[in-house]
Amino acid sequence: MKLTDAISQIQTDNKISSKKKSQDVNDAIPSAAAGRDRVELSSGSLDVQKIQEILQETPDIRLDKIQELKEKIEKGEYHVDSLQLADKMLMSLLSEEAPVDK
């Protein structure tokens, strides 16, 4: 027997086997449940869904923070650490991707 004949026989056997398995599965499902679709969400997707809900409920502008900062500025109590700001600016610049030369 040629190798190509053996491969085609294996493929045929696999097709017959998979048809039998699918028939067995279909026979095992009750007719009432066969017409229903069922979806199960993973815990990760449930977490994402919950985070999206929280974000939708959170206002874009936090007026309480704005008011607090305004009061600190008016009282002269708001100070920016220039070294910390410079560090963050440099880190931001370094983290950006450099253009690729072509």
PDB file of N, CA and C in Angstrom:
ATOM      1  N   MET A   1       0.859  -1.174   0.000  1.00  0.00           N
ATOM      2  CA  MET A   1       0.000   0.000   0.000  1.00  0.00           C
ATOM      3  C   MET A   1       0.904   1.237   0.000  1.00  0.00           C
ATOM      4  N   LYS A   2       0.524   2.238  -0.802  1.00  0.00           N
ATOM      5  CA  LYS A   2       1.278   3.478  -0.878  1.00  0.00           C
ATOM      6  C   LYS A   2       0.972   4.338   0.340  1.00  0.00           C
ATOM      7  N   LEU A   3       1.891   5.228   0.652  1.00  0.00           N
ATOM      8  CA  LEU A   3       1.722   6.128   1.777  1.00  0.00           C
ATOM      9  C   LEU A   3       0.533   7.062   1.560  1.00  0.00           C
ATOM     10  N   THR A   4       0.318   7.511   0.332  1.00  0.00           N
ATOM     11  CA  THR A   4      -0.817   8.396   0.048  1.00  0.00           C
ATOM     12  C   THR A   4      -2.134   7.674   0.265  1.00  0.00           C
ATOM     13  N   ASP A   5      -2.183   6.377  -0.038  1.00  0.00           N
ATOM     14  CA  ASP A   5      -3.397   5.599   0.211  1.00  0.00           C
ATOM     15  C   ASP A   5      -3.662   5.476   1.711  1.00  0.00           C
ATOM     16  N   ALA A   6      -2.598   5.313   2.489  1.00  0.00           N
ATOM     17  CA  ALA A   6      -2.757   5.186   3.937  1.00  0.00           C
ATOM     18  C   ALA A   6      -3.274   6.492   4.529  1.00  0.00           C
ATOM     19  N   ILE A   7      -2.764   7.635   4.034  1.00  0.00           N
ATOM     20  CA  ILE A   7      -3.204   8.932   4.540  1.00  0.00           C
ATOM     21  C   ILE A   7      -4.668   9.166   4.227  1.00  0.00           C
ATOM     22  N   SER A   8      -5.081   8.848   3.011  1.00  0.00           N
ATOM     23  CA  SER A   8      -6.493   9.043   2.662  1.00  0.00           C
ATOM     24  C   SER A   8      -7.392   8.117   3.474  1.00  0.00           C
ATOM     25  N   GLN A   9      -6.920   6.900   3.779  1.00  0.00           N
ATOM     26  CA  GLN A   9      -7.706   5.976   4.598  1.00  0.00           C
ATOM     27  C   GLN A   9      -7.847   6.507   6.022  1.00  0.00           C
ATOM     28  N   ILE A  10      -6.769   7.086   6.562  1.00  0.00           N
ATOM     29  CA  ILE A  10      -6.823   7.662   7.909  1.00  0.00           C
ATOM     30  C   ILE A  10      -7.800   8.821   7.944  1.00  0.00           C
ATOM     31  N   GLN A  11      -7.747   9.680   6.918  1.00  0.00           N
ATOM     32  CA  GLN A  11      -8.666  10.817   6.849  1.00  0.00           C
ATOM     33  C   GLN A  11     -10.111  10.338   6.785  1.00  0.00           C
ATOM     34  N   THR A  12     -10.368   9.296   6.002  1.00  0.00           N
ATOM     35  CA  THR A  12     -11.722   8.745   5.900  1.00  0.00           C
ATOM     36  C   THR A  12     -12.168   8.176   7.246  1.00  0.00           C
ATOM     37  N   ASP A  13     -11.263   7.440   7.906  1.00  0.00           N
ATOM     38  CA  ASP A  13     -11.593   6.873   9.206  1.00  0.00           C
ATOM     39  C   ASP A  13     -11.895   7.975  10.225  1.00  0.00           C
ATOM     40  N   ASN A  14     -11.126   9.071  10.189  1.00  0.00           N
ATOM     41  CA  ASN A  14     -11.351  10.184  11.109  1.00  0.00           C
ATOM     42  C   ASN A  14     -12.705  10.837  10.865  1.00  0.00           C
ATOM     43  N   LYS A  15     -13.077  10.986   9.586  1.00  0.00           N
ATOM     44  CA  LYS A  15     -14.373  11.589   9.262  1.00  0.00           C
ATOM     45  C   LYS A  15     -15.512  10.729   9.787  1.00  0.00           C
ATOM     46  N   ILE A  16     -15.397   9.410   9.597  1.00  0.00           N
ATOM     47  CA  ILE A  16     -16.442   8.497  10.072  1.00  0.00           C
ATOM     48  C   ILE A  16     -16.512   8.528  11.589  1.00  0.00           C
ATOM     49  N   SER A  17     -15.351   8.536  12.248  1.00  0.00           N
ATOM     50  CA  SER A  17     -15.301   8.570  13.700  1.00  0.00           C
ATOM     51  C   SER A  17     -15.904   9.850  14.248  1.00  0.00           C
ATOM     52  N   SER A  18     -15.588  11.000  13.636  1.00  0.00           N
ATOM     53  CA  SER A  18     -16.134  12.255  14.132  1.00  0.00           C
ATOM     54  C   SER A  18     -17.630  12.346  13.894  1.00  0.00           C
ATOM     55  N   LYS A  19     -18.123  11.779  12.814  1.00  0.00           N
ATOM     56  CA  LYS A  19     -19.576  11.770  12.573  1.00  0.00           C
ATOM     57  C   LYS A  19     -20.275  10.937  13.637  1.00  0.00           C
ATOM     58  N   LYS A  20     -19.692   9.802  13.996  1.00  0.00           N
ATOM     59  CA  LYS A  20     -20.286   8.953  15.029  1.00  0.00           C
ATOM     60  C   LYS A  20     -20.312   9.673  16.367  1.00  0.00           C
ATOM     61  N   LYS A  21     -19.201  10.364  16.704  1.00  0.00           N
ATOM     62  CA  LYS A  21     -19.139  11.086  17.971  1.00  0.00           C
ATOM     63  C   LYS A  21     -20.179  12.197  18.016  1.00  0.00           C
ATOM     64  N   SER A  22     -20.324  12.938  16.922  1.00  0.00           N
ATOM     65  CA  SER A  22     -21.300  14.027  16.921  1.00  0.00           C
ATOM     66  C   SER A  22     -22.722  13.489  17.000  1.00  0.00           C
ATOM     67  N   GLN A  23     -22.971  12.334  16.405  1.00  0.00           N
ATOM     68  CA  GLN A  23     -24.301  11.728  16.514  1.00  0.00           C
ATOM     69  C   GLN A  23     -24.560  11.273  17.945  1.00  0.00           C
ATOM     70  N   ASP A  24     -23.534  10.718  18.596  1.00  0.00           N
ATOM     71  CA  ASP A  24     -23.686  10.280  19.981  1.00  0.00           C
ATOM     72  C   ASP A  24     -23.971  11.476  20.892  1.00  0.00           C
ATOM     73  N   VAL A  25     -23.293  12.588  20.671  1.00  0.00           N
ATOM     74  CA  VAL A  25     -23.507  13.791  21.474  1.00  0.00           C
ATOM     75  C   VAL A  25     -24.908  14.330  21.233  1.00  0.00           C
ATOM     76  N   ASN A  26     -25.333  14.371  19.986  1.00  0.00           N
ATOM     77  CA  ASN A  26     -26.671  14.862  19.665  1.00  0.00           C
ATOM     78  C   ASN A  26     -27.751  13.968  20.250  1.00  0.00           C
ATOM     79  N   ASP A  27     -27.505  12.665  20.289  1.00  0.00           N
ATOM     80  CA  ASP A  27     -28.477  11.743  20.876  1.00  0.00           C
ATOM     81  C   ASP A  27     -28.563  11.921  22.388  1.00  0.00           C
ATOM     82  N   ALA A  28     -27.451  12.329  23.021  1.00  0.00           N
ATOM     83  CA  ALA A  28     -27.418  12.483  24.468  1.00  0.00           C
ATOM     84  C   ALA A  28     -28.104  13.761  24.935  1.00  0.00           C
ATOM     85  N   ILE A  29     -28.252  14.768  24.053  1.00  0.00           N
ATOM     86  CA  ILE A  29     -28.879  16.033  24.427  1.00  0.00           C
ATOM     87  C   ILE A  29     -30.396  15.883  24.334  1.00  0.00           C
ATOM     88  N   PRO A  30     -31.118  16.210  25.404  1.00  0.00           N
ATOM     89  CA  PRO A  30     -32.570  16.165  25.329  1.00  0.00           C
ATOM     90  C   PRO A  30     -33.078  17.173  24.300  1.00  0.00           C
ATOM     91  N   SER A  31     -34.200  16.858  23.707  1.00  0.00           N
ATOM     92  CA  SER A  31     -34.707  17.695  22.615  1.00  0.00           C
ATOM     93  C   SER A  31     -35.059  19.105  23.090  1.00  0.00           C
ATOM     94  N   ALA A  32     -35.496  19.282  24.333  1.00  0.00           N
ATOM     95  CA  ALA A  32     -35.848  20.609  24.835  1.00  0.00           C
ATOM     96  C   ALA A  32     -34.598  21.481  24.985  1.00  0.00           C
ATOM     97  N   ALA A  33     -33.484  20.889  25.394  1.00  0.00           N
ATOM     98  CA  ALA A  33     -32.266  21.647  25.603  1.00  0.00           C
ATOM     99  C   ALA A  33     -31.496  21.868  24.307  1.00  0.00           C
ATOM    100  N   ALA A  34     -31.787  21.074  23.281  1.00  0.00           N
ATOM    101  CA  ALA A  34     -31.040  21.168  22.029  1.00  0.00           C
ATOM    102  C   ALA A  34     -31.258  22.506  21.336  1.00  0.00           C
ATOM    103  N   GLY A  35     -32.400  23.146  21.501  1.00  0.00           N
ATOM    104  CA  GLY A  35     -32.684  24.391  20.823  1.00  0.00           C
ATOM    105  C   GLY A  35     -32.217  25.623  21.572  1.00  0.00           C
ATOM    106  N   ARG A  36     -31.639  25.485  22.739  1.00  0.00           N
ATOM    107  CA  ARG A  36     -31.216  26.627  23.554  1.00  0.00           C
ATOM    108  C   ARG A  36     -29.732  26.892  23.387  1.00  0.00           C
ATOM    109  N   ASP A  37     -29.386  28.170  23.372  1.00  0.00           N
ATOM    110  CA  ASP A  37     -27.984  28.561  23.390  1.00  0.00           C
ATOM    111  C   ASP A  37     -27.620  28.946  24.817  1.00  0.00           C
ATOM    112  N   ARG A  38     -26.377  28.729  25.152  1.00  0.00           N
ATOM    113  CA  ARG A  38     -25.949  29.040  26.507  1.00  0.00           C
ATOM    114  C   ARG A  38     -24.591  29.726  26.448  1.00  0.00           C
ATOM    115  N   VAL A  39     -24.439  30.789  27.205  1.00  0.00           N
ATOM    116  CA  VAL A  39     -23.192  31.543  27.231  1.00  0.00           C
ATOM    117  C   VAL A  39     -22.696  31.607  28.667  1.00  0.00           C
ATOM    118  N   GLU A  40     -21.422  31.320  28.843  1.00  0.00           N
ATOM    119  CA  GLU A  40     -20.796  31.450  30.153  1.00  0.00           C
ATOM    120  C   GLU A  40     -19.623  32.398  30.018  1.00  0.00           C
ATOM    121  N   LEU A  41     -19.599  33.446  30.838  1.00  0.00           N
ATOM    122  CA  LEU A  41     -18.517  34.416  30.803  1.00  0.00           C
ATOM    123  C   LEU A  41     -17.441  34.018  31.801  1.00  0.00           C
ATOM    124  N   SER A  42     -16.204  34.178  31.402  1.00  0.00           N
ATOM    125  CA  SER A  42     -15.105  33.865  32.305  1.00  0.00           C
ATOM    126  C   SER A  42     -15.043  34.922  33.404  1.00  0.00           C
ATOM    127  N   SER A  43     -14.324  34.614  34.459  1.00  0.00           N
ATOM    128  CA  SER A  43     -14.220  35.570  35.555  1.00  0.00           C
ATOM    129  C   SER A  43     -13.498  36.839  35.106  1.00  0.00           C
ATOM    130  N   GLY A  44     -12.560  36.700  34.191  1.00  0.00           N
ATOM    131  CA  GLY A  44     -11.860  37.868  33.665  1.00  0.00           C
ATOM    132  C   GLY A  44     -12.788  38.804  32.912  1.00  0.00           C
ATOM    133  N   SER A  45     -13.671  38.234  32.096  1.00  0.00           N
ATOM    134  CA  SER A  45     -14.604  39.085  31.350  1.00  0.00           C
ATOM    135  C   SER A  45     -15.645  39.702  32.281  1.00  0.00           C
ATOM    136  N   LEU A  46     -15.989  39.006  33.350  1.00  0.00           N
ATOM    137  CA  LEU A  46     -16.909  39.585  34.339  1.00  0.00           C
ATOM    138  C   LEU A  46     -16.247  40.760  35.053  1.00  0.00           C
ATOM    139  N   ASP A  47     -14.948  40.635  35.334  1.00  0.00           N
ATOM    140  CA  ASP A  47     -14.209  41.740  35.959  1.00  0.00           C
ATOM    141  C   ASP A  47     -14.167  42.952  35.037  1.00  0.00           C
ATOM    142  N   VAL A  48     -13.905  42.710  33.761  1.00  0.00           N
ATOM    143  CA  VAL A  48     -13.867  43.806  32.793  1.00  0.00           C
ATOM    144  C   VAL A  48     -15.225  44.486  32.717  1.00  0.00           C
ATOM    145  N   GLN A  49     -16.279  43.695  32.717  1.00  0.00           N
ATOM    146  CA  GLN A  49     -17.635  44.248  32.662  1.00  0.00           C
ATOM    147  C   GLN A  49     -17.908  45.121  33.892  1.00  0.00           C
ATOM    148  N   LYS A  50     -17.499  44.668  35.065  1.00  0.00           N
ATOM    149  CA  LYS A  50     -17.702  45.438  36.300  1.00  0.00           C
ATOM    150  C   LYS A  50     -16.898  46.737  36.266  1.00  0.00           C
ATOM    151  N   ILE A  51     -15.664  46.673  35.773  1.00  0.00           N
ATOM    152  CA  ILE A  51     -14.828  47.874  35.667  1.00  0.00           C
ATOM    153  C   ILE A  51     -15.457  48.877  34.710  1.00  0.00           C
ATOM    154  N   GLN A  52     -16.005  48.391  33.595  1.00  0.00           N
ATOM    155  CA  GLN A  52     -16.666  49.287  32.652  1.00  0.00           C
ATOM    156  C   GLN A  52     -17.861  49.987  33.296  1.00  0.00           C
ATOM    157  N   GLU A  53     -18.617  49.259  34.102  1.00  0.00           N
ATOM    158  CA  GLU A  53     -19.764  49.863  34.793  1.00  0.00           C
ATOM    159  C   GLU A  53     -19.296  50.951  35.766  1.00  0.00           C
ATOM    160  N   ILE A  54     -18.230  50.683  36.503  1.00  0.00           N
ATOM    161  CA  ILE A  54     -17.701  51.662  37.458  1.00  0.00           C
ATOM    162  C   ILE A  54     -17.222  52.907  36.716  1.00  0.00           C
ATOM    163  N   LEU A  55     -16.524  52.705  35.598  1.00  0.00           N
ATOM    164  CA  LEU A  55     -16.032  53.841  34.829  1.00  0.00           C
ATOM    165  C   LEU A  55     -17.176  54.689  34.265  1.00  0.00           C
ATOM    166  N   GLN A  56     -18.258  54.036  33.871  1.00  0.00           N
ATOM    167  CA  GLN A  56     -19.399  54.780  33.346  1.00  0.00           C
ATOM    168  C   GLN A  56     -20.062  55.609  34.436  1.00  0.00           C
ATOM    169  N   GLU A  57     -20.023  55.129  35.666  1.00  0.00           N
ATOM    170  CA  GLU A  57     -20.637  55.850  36.782  1.00  0.00           C
ATOM    171  C   GLU A  57     -19.731  56.967  37.305  1.00  0.00           C
ATOM    172  N   THR A  58     -18.427  56.883  37.038  1.00  0.00           N
ATOM    173  CA  THR A  58     -17.483  57.885  37.514  1.00  0.00           C
ATOM    174  C   THR A  58     -17.521  59.095  36.578  1.00  0.00           C
ATOM    175  N   PRO A  59     -17.722  60.282  37.126  1.00  0.00           N
ATOM    176  CA  PRO A  59     -17.776  61.468  36.264  1.00  0.00           C
ATOM    177  C   PRO A  59     -16.413  61.759  35.642  1.00  0.00           C
ATOM    178  N   ASP A  60     -16.438  62.341  34.433  1.00  0.00           N
ATOM    179  CA  ASP A  60     -15.186  62.692  33.757  1.00  0.00           C
ATOM    180  C   ASP A  60     -14.455  63.797  34.510  1.00  0.00           C
ATOM    181  N   ILE A  61     -15.200  64.736  35.055  1.00  0.00           N
ATOM    182  CA  ILE A  61     -14.613  65.849  35.789  1.00  0.00           C
ATOM    183  C   ILE A  61     -14.960  65.681  37.264  1.00  0.00           C
ATOM    184  N   ARG A  62     -13.932  65.561  38.093  1.00  0.00           N
ATOM    185  CA  ARG A  62     -14.159  65.397  39.526  1.00  0.00           C
ATOM    186  C   ARG A  62     -14.140  66.772  40.176  1.00  0.00           C
ATOM    187  N   LEU A  63     -15.315  67.340  40.311  1.00  0.00           N
ATOM    188  CA  LEU A  63     -15.450  68.703  40.824  1.00  0.00           C
ATOM    189  C   LEU A  63     -14.871  68.861  42.222  1.00  0.00           C
ATOM    190  N   ASP A  64     -14.955  67.823  43.032  1.00  0.00           N
ATOM    191  CA  ASP A  64     -14.410  67.910  44.385  1.00  0.00           C
ATOM    192  C   ASP A  64     -12.887  68.092  44.360  1.00  0.00           C
ATOM    193  N   LYS A  65     -12.197  67.388  43.459  1.00  0.00           N
ATOM    194  CA  LYS A  65     -10.747  67.538  43.345  1.00  0.00           C
ATOM    195  C   LYS A  65     -10.385  68.922  42.806  1.00  0.00           C
ATOM    196  N   ILE A  66     -11.162  69.401  41.826  1.00  0.00           N
ATOM    197  CA  ILE A  66     -10.907  70.726  41.255  1.00  0.00           C
ATOM    198  C   ILE A  66     -11.053  71.795  42.327  1.00  0.00           C
ATOM    199  N   GLN A  67     -12.112  71.693  43.107  1.00  0.00           N
ATOM    200  CA  GLN A  67     -12.353  72.674  44.164  1.00  0.00           C
ATOM    201  C   GLN A  67     -11.232  72.637  45.208  1.00  0.00           C
ATOM    202  N   GLU A  68     -10.805  71.437  45.567  1.00  0.00           N
ATOM    203  CA  GLU A  68      -9.731  71.283  46.553  1.00  0.00           C
ATOM    204  C   GLU A  68      -8.436  71.923  46.051  1.00  0.00           C
ATOM    205  N   LEU A  69      -8.101  71.695  44.775  1.00  0.00           N
ATOM    206  CA  LEU A  69      -6.887  72.288  44.211  1.00  0.00           C
ATOM    207  C   LEU A  69      -6.993  73.806  44.116  1.00  0.00           C
ATOM    208  N   LYS A  70      -8.168  74.303  43.738  1.00  0.00           N
ATOM    209  CA  LYS A  70      -8.366  75.760  43.672  1.00  0.00           C
ATOM    210  C   LYS A  70      -8.132  76.405  45.032  1.00  0.00           C
ATOM    211  N   GLU A  71      -8.663  75.787  46.073  1.00  0.00           N
ATOM    212  CA  GLU A  71      -8.501  76.332  47.417  1.00  0.00           C
ATOM    213  C   GLU A  71      -7.035  76.323  47.844  1.00  0.00           C
ATOM    214  N   LYS A  72      -6.303  75.247  47.536  1.00  0.00           N
ATOM    215  CA  LYS A  72      -4.884  75.184  47.890  1.00  0.00           C
ATOM    216  C   LYS A  72      -4.089  76.247  47.156  1.00  0.00           C
ATOM    217  N   ILE A  73      -4.411  76.455  45.869  1.00  0.00           N
ATOM    218  CA  ILE A  73      -3.702  77.473  45.090  1.00  0.00           C
ATOM    219  C   ILE A  73      -3.965  78.860  45.659  1.00  0.00           C
ATOM    220  N   GLU A  74      -5.233  79.143  45.989  1.00  0.00           N
ATOM    221  CA  GLU A  74      -5.588  80.455  46.548  1.00  0.00           C
ATOM    222  C   GLU A  74      -4.896  80.706  47.879  1.00  0.00           C
ATOM    223  N   LYS A  75      -4.749  79.669  48.689  1.00  0.00           N
ATOM    224  CA  LYS A  75      -4.107  79.814  49.997  1.00  0.00           C
ATOM    225  C   LYS A  75      -2.579  79.769  49.911  1.00  0.00           C
ATOM    226  N   GLY A  76      -2.063  79.432  48.727  1.00  0.00           N
ATOM    227  CA  GLY A  76      -0.609  79.328  48.573  1.00  0.00           C
ATOM    228  C   GLY A  76      -0.053  78.027  49.112  1.00  0.00           C
ATOM    229  N   GLU A  77      -0.901  77.027  49.295  1.00  0.00           N
ATOM    230  CA  GLU A  77      -0.480  75.748  49.868  1.00  0.00           C
ATOM    231  C   GLU A  77      -0.165  74.695  48.802  1.00  0.00           C
ATOM    232  N   TYR A  78      -0.375  75.024  47.541  1.00  0.00           N
ATOM    233  CA  TYR A  78      -0.136  74.053  46.466  1.00  0.00           C
ATOM    234  C   TYR A  78       1.259  74.278  45.902  1.00  0.00           C
ATOM    235  N   HIS A  79       2.103  73.268  46.028  1.00  0.00           N
ATOM    236  CA  HIS A  79       3.474  73.359  45.544  1.00  0.00           C
ATOM    237  C   HIS A  79       3.774  72.156  44.661  1.00  0.00           C
ATOM    238  N   VAL A  80       4.480  72.411  43.596  1.00  0.00           N
ATOM    239  CA  VAL A  80       4.884  71.351  42.670  1.00  0.00           C
ATOM    240  C   VAL A  80       6.363  71.066  42.891  1.00  0.00           C
ATOM    241  N   ASP A  81       6.689  69.796  43.079  1.00  0.00           N
ATOM    242  CA  ASP A  81       8.080  69.382  43.228  1.00  0.00           C
ATOM    243  C   ASP A  81       8.701  69.341  41.830  1.00  0.00           C
ATOM    244  N   SER A  82       9.561  70.302  41.531  1.00  0.00           N
ATOM    245  CA  SER A  82      10.114  70.428  40.179  1.00  0.00           C
ATOM    246  C   SER A  82      10.969  69.230  39.784  1.00  0.00           C
ATOM    247  N   LEU A  83      11.695  68.645  40.734  1.00  0.00           N
ATOM    248  CA  LEU A  83      12.508  67.461  40.421  1.00  0.00           C
ATOM    249  C   LEU A  83      11.638  66.266  40.069  1.00  0.00           C
ATOM    250  N   GLN A  84      10.566  66.107  40.821  1.00  0.00           N
ATOM    251  CA  GLN A  84       9.650  65.000  40.551  1.00  0.00           C
ATOM    252  C   GLN A  84       8.971  65.194  39.186  1.00  0.00           C
ATOM    253  N   LEU A  85       8.587  66.425  38.873  1.00  0.00           N
ATOM    254  CA  LEU A  85       7.978  66.731  37.588  1.00  0.00           C
ATOM    255  C   LEU A  85       8.955  66.463  36.453  1.00  0.00           C
ATOM    256  N   ALA A  86      10.214  66.890  36.614  1.00  0.00           N
ATOM    257  CA  ALA A  86      11.239  66.657  35.589  1.00  0.00           C
ATOM    258  C   ALA A  86      11.478  65.164  35.382  1.00  0.00           C
ATOM    259  N   ASP A  87      11.524  64.401  36.469  1.00  0.00           N
ATOM    260  CA  ASP A  87      11.691  62.947  36.363  1.00  0.00           C
ATOM    261  C   ASP A  87      10.567  62.321  35.550  1.00  0.00           C
ATOM    262  N   LYS A  88       9.350  62.719  35.835  1.00  0.00           N
ATOM    263  CA  LYS A  88       8.202  62.163  35.113  1.00  0.00           C
ATOM    264  C   LYS A  88       8.233  62.543  33.635  1.00  0.00           C
ATOM    265  N   MET A  89       8.659  63.785  33.344  1.00  0.00           N
ATOM    266  CA  MET A  89       8.751  64.218  31.955  1.00  0.00           C
ATOM    267  C   MET A  89       9.810  63.412  31.205  1.00  0.00           C
ATOM    268  N   LEU A  90      10.962  63.189  31.838  1.00  0.00           N
ATOM    269  CA  LEU A  90      12.025  62.407  31.207  1.00  0.00           C
ATOM    270  C   LEU A  90      11.599  60.960  31.004  1.00  0.00           C
ATOM    271  N   MET A  91      10.958  60.381  31.995  1.00  0.00           N
ATOM    272  CA  MET A  91      10.488  58.998  31.877  1.00  0.00           C
ATOM    273  C   MET A  91       9.473  58.870  30.741  1.00  0.00           C
ATOM    274  N   SER A  92       8.627  59.867  30.612  1.00  0.00           N
ATOM    275  CA  SER A  92       7.645  59.867  29.540  1.00  0.00           C
ATOM    276  C   SER A  92       8.327  59.927  28.178  1.00  0.00           C
ATOM    277  N   LEU A  93       9.346  60.787  28.055  1.00  0.00           N
ATOM    278  CA  LEU A  93      10.080  60.899  26.790  1.00  0.00           C
ATOM    279  C   LEU A  93      10.851  59.627  26.467  1.00  0.00           C
ATOM    280  N   LEU A  94      11.456  59.023  27.482  1.00  0.00           N
ATOM    281  CA  LEU A  94      12.239  57.809  27.261  1.00  0.00           C
ATOM    282  C   LEU A  94      11.374  56.606  26.950  1.00  0.00           C
ATOM    283  N   SER A  95      10.144  56.597  27.428  1.00  0.00           N
ATOM    284  CA  SER A  95       9.271  55.445  27.201  1.00  0.00           C
ATOM    285  C   SER A  95       8.627  55.465  25.824  1.00  0.00           C
ATOM    286  N   GLU A  96       8.638  56.628  25.165  1.00  0.00           N
ATOM    287  CA  GLU A  96       8.077  56.701  23.825  1.00  0.00           C
ATOM    288  C   GLU A  96       9.010  55.973  22.870  1.00  0.00           C
ATOM    289  N   GLU A  97       8.423  55.371  21.839  1.00  0.00           N
ATOM    290  CA  GLU A  97       9.223  54.653  20.866  1.00  0.00           C
ATOM    291  C   GLU A  97       9.950  55.631  19.969  1.00  0.00           C
ATOM    292  N   ALA A  98      11.212  55.334  19.720  1.00  0.00           N
ATOM    293  CA  ALA A  98      11.998  56.170  18.817  1.00  0.00           C
ATOM    294  C   ALA A  98      11.595  55.850  17.376  1.00  0.00           C
ATOM    295  N   PRO A  99      11.590  56.828  16.489  1.00  0.00           N
ATOM    296  CA  PRO A  99      11.240  56.565  15.092  1.00  0.00           C
ATOM    297  C   PRO A  99      12.254  55.605  14.456  1.00  0.00           C
ATOM    298  N   VAL A 100      11.745  54.745  13.612  1.00  0.00           N
ATOM    299  CA  VAL A 100      12.602  53.752  12.951  1.00  0.00           C
ATOM    300  C   VAL A 100      13.136  54.372  11.680  1.00  0.00           C
ATOM    301  N   ASP A 101      14.472  54.310  11.503  1.00  0.00           N
ATOM    302  CA  ASP A 101      15.091  54.817  10.276  1.00  0.00           C
ATOM    303  C   ASP A 101      14.888  53.804   9.168  1.00  0.00           C
ATOM    304  N   LYS A 102      14.519  54.321   8.021  1.00  0.00           N
ATOM    305  CA  LYS A 102      14.325  53.415   6.870  1.00  0.00           C
ATOM    306  C   LYS A 102      15.366  53.634   5.835  1.00  0.00           C
TER     307      LYS A 102
END
